[in-house]
Protein backbone atom coordinates (compact mmCIF):
# COMPACT_ATOMS: atom_id res chain seq x y z
CA MET A 1 104.80 215.35 24.35
CA ASN A 2 108.26 213.93 24.45
CA ARG A 3 110.19 211.83 26.89
CA GLN A 4 111.35 214.99 28.68
CA ASP A 5 107.81 216.27 29.25
CA PRO A 6 106.35 214.28 32.14
CA THR A 7 103.31 216.58 32.47
CA HIS A 8 101.96 215.63 29.05
CA GLU A 9 102.65 211.95 29.66
CA LEU A 10 100.93 212.20 33.05
CA PHE A 11 97.78 213.61 31.39
CA LEU A 12 97.89 211.29 28.38
CA THR A 13 98.24 208.20 30.57
CA SER A 14 95.92 209.55 33.28
CA GLY A 15 98.55 209.38 35.98
CA GLY A 16 99.92 206.08 34.65
CA LEU A 17 96.58 204.23 34.43
CA GLY A 18 97.26 203.73 30.72
CA PHE A 19 100.04 201.34 31.64
CA PHE A 20 97.72 199.11 33.71
CA ARG A 21 96.84 195.78 32.13
CA PRO A 22 94.54 194.30 31.06
CA ALA A 23 92.14 196.80 29.50
CA SER A 24 93.95 200.11 29.93
CA GLY A 25 90.90 201.97 28.60
CA THR A 26 88.77 200.57 31.41
CA TRP A 27 91.30 201.73 33.99
CA GLY A 28 91.48 205.12 32.29
CA SER A 29 87.70 205.54 32.45
CA LEU A 30 87.65 205.28 36.25
CA PRO A 31 88.83 208.76 37.42
CA PRO A 32 85.69 210.67 36.37
CA VAL A 33 83.47 207.98 37.94
CA VAL A 34 85.38 208.04 41.22
CA LEU A 35 85.44 211.84 41.37
CA GLY A 36 81.77 211.96 40.36
CA ALA A 37 80.92 209.60 43.24
CA ILE A 38 82.85 211.77 45.68
CA VAL A 39 81.08 214.93 44.50
CA ILE A 40 77.67 213.22 44.67
CA LEU A 41 78.32 211.84 48.15
CA ALA A 42 79.38 215.35 49.20
CA GLY A 43 75.90 216.56 48.21
CA ALA A 44 76.78 218.37 44.98
CA GLY A 45 75.49 215.90 42.40
CA PRO A 46 73.08 216.53 39.54
CA GLY A 47 69.69 217.57 40.80
CA SER A 48 71.13 219.13 43.97
CA ALA A 49 71.31 222.82 44.82
CA HIS A 50 75.05 222.64 44.12
CA ALA A 51 74.85 220.67 40.86
CA TRP A 52 77.13 223.23 39.20
CA VAL A 53 80.07 221.71 41.12
CA TYR A 54 79.48 218.29 39.54
CA TYR A 55 79.12 219.75 36.05
CA ALA A 56 82.15 222.01 36.48
CA VAL A 57 84.33 219.08 37.59
CA MET A 58 83.23 216.98 34.63
CA ALA A 59 83.70 219.92 32.21
CA VAL A 60 87.25 220.43 33.48
CA PHE A 61 87.96 216.73 32.88
CA VAL A 62 86.51 216.89 29.34
CA ILE A 63 88.43 220.03 28.42
CA ALA A 64 91.78 219.20 30.06
CA PHE A 65 92.00 215.60 28.87
CA SER A 66 90.69 216.43 25.38
CA ALA A 67 93.36 219.10 25.11
CA ALA A 68 96.00 216.61 26.23
CA CYS A 69 94.94 214.24 23.42
CA VAL A 70 94.96 216.92 20.75
CA ILE A 71 98.20 218.54 21.86
CA GLY A 72 100.14 215.36 22.60
CA GLY A 73 98.60 213.02 20.05
CA ASP A 74 101.29 213.29 17.39
CA SER A 75 104.16 212.54 19.71
CA ALA A 76 102.20 209.82 21.54
CA GLU A 77 101.52 208.04 18.25
CA ALA A 78 105.16 208.49 17.21
CA ARG A 79 106.23 206.87 20.46
CA TRP A 80 103.58 204.14 20.92
CA GLY A 81 101.82 203.71 17.55
CA LYS A 82 98.35 204.53 16.19
CA ASP A 83 95.71 205.14 18.93
CA PRO A 84 98.13 203.82 21.57
CA SER A 85 96.79 201.90 24.55
CA PRO A 86 98.88 203.85 27.12
CA VAL A 87 96.98 206.98 26.08
CA VAL A 88 93.77 206.94 28.11
CA ALA A 89 93.12 210.68 28.26
CA ASP A 90 90.49 210.03 25.59
CA GLU A 91 88.69 207.61 27.92
CA VAL A 92 88.82 210.15 30.77
CA ALA A 93 87.32 212.83 28.52
CA GLY A 94 84.71 210.45 27.12
CA MET A 95 83.63 209.11 30.50
CA ALA A 96 83.36 212.63 31.91
CA LEU A 97 81.25 213.68 28.91
CA THR A 98 78.98 210.69 29.43
CA LEU A 99 78.50 211.68 33.08
CA MET A 100 77.72 215.28 32.08
CA LEU A 101 75.04 214.17 29.62
CA LEU A 102 73.16 211.79 31.92
CA PRO A 103 69.62 212.67 33.03
CA ALA A 104 69.79 214.50 36.37
CA GLY A 105 66.81 212.42 37.47
CA LEU A 106 69.05 209.38 37.73
CA PHE A 107 70.72 211.07 40.69
CA ALA A 108 67.62 212.53 42.37
CA ASN A 109 67.05 209.70 44.84
CA GLU A 110 69.31 208.42 47.55
CA ALA A 111 73.07 208.05 47.16
CA PHE A 112 72.86 204.30 46.52
CA PHE A 113 70.89 204.84 43.31
CA ALA A 114 73.22 207.63 42.25
CA LEU A 115 76.19 205.29 42.61
CA ILE A 116 74.33 202.59 40.67
CA SER A 117 73.72 205.20 37.94
CA LEU A 118 77.46 205.99 37.82
CA ALA A 119 78.26 202.29 37.52
CA GLY A 120 75.66 201.88 34.77
CA ALA A 121 77.08 204.86 32.88
CA PHE A 122 80.57 203.36 33.22
CA VAL A 123 79.39 200.05 31.72
CA LEU A 124 77.51 201.82 28.90
CA PHE A 125 80.50 204.00 28.01
CA ARG A 126 82.93 201.09 28.01
CA ALA A 127 80.55 199.04 25.86
CA MET A 128 80.15 201.84 23.32
CA ASP A 129 83.88 202.57 23.33
CA ILE A 130 84.75 198.93 22.71
CA ALA A 131 81.99 198.29 20.14
CA LYS A 132 82.83 201.44 18.13
CA PHE A 133 79.44 201.78 16.44
CA PRO A 134 79.34 204.18 13.48
CA PRO A 135 80.38 206.91 13.25
CA ALA A 136 82.89 206.26 16.06
CA ASN A 137 84.64 203.47 14.17
CA GLY A 138 85.58 205.74 11.26
CA LEU A 139 86.85 208.57 13.43
CA GLN A 140 89.86 206.57 14.58
CA ARG A 141 91.30 206.96 11.09
CA ILE A 142 91.74 210.70 11.61
CA PRO A 143 95.44 211.36 12.24
CA SER A 144 97.03 212.24 15.58
CA GLY A 145 95.24 213.43 18.69
CA TRP A 146 91.89 214.12 17.03
CA GLY A 147 91.70 210.50 15.90
CA ILE A 148 92.56 209.32 19.40
CA LEU A 149 89.88 211.55 20.95
CA LEU A 150 86.86 211.85 18.67
CA ASP A 151 85.77 208.20 18.68
CA ASP A 152 85.59 208.33 22.49
CA LEU A 153 83.51 211.51 22.49
CA VAL A 154 81.07 209.89 20.05
CA ALA A 155 81.00 206.74 22.23
CA ALA A 156 80.19 209.04 25.17
CA ALA A 157 77.24 210.57 23.33
CA GLN A 158 76.02 207.09 22.36
CA ALA A 159 76.30 205.85 25.95
CA ALA A 160 74.43 208.89 27.25
CA ALA A 161 71.70 208.41 24.63
CA LEU A 162 71.25 204.82 25.80
CA ALA A 163 71.08 206.02 29.41
CA TRP A 164 68.34 208.49 28.43
CA ILE A 165 66.39 205.69 26.72
CA VAL A 166 66.66 203.52 29.82
CA TYR A 167 65.62 206.49 31.99
CA TRP A 168 62.53 207.14 29.85
CA ILE A 169 61.58 203.46 29.95
CA ILE A 170 61.84 203.15 33.71
């Protein structure tokens, strides 16, 4: 990414959400949740006959925004510093991964409970991303785009694991 490449910057900042303050990572985590809600309300959420649509949308988010981090990470760090706050593609990828890994049973009931599950997953992901429990905290030291991305993917797995625990308890 460089100043002349607006496509990379658009992906890295998730359409400019990375410039929102405060808490750019929170803003950057919203697109998968919003799109997930739309897909669920359209009848294609996890547990439905058309669940593949939900999982395909989330997989595209994970792949596209992960690629943006890896490809544009060096130039983003050169421009904005180590693990720069304007880069929220890692939060988009992490949030989408969290939503892919949730128990489908959380979405099996009416739409209200599905939306509550999305909100809960959002809170869990943000908490894990901010807390940076091991091994996520050490992954930020990896240079360039991989260091930007990997801690968020681990936070996503941790958030999904917590969601599974809650699901088993209830």
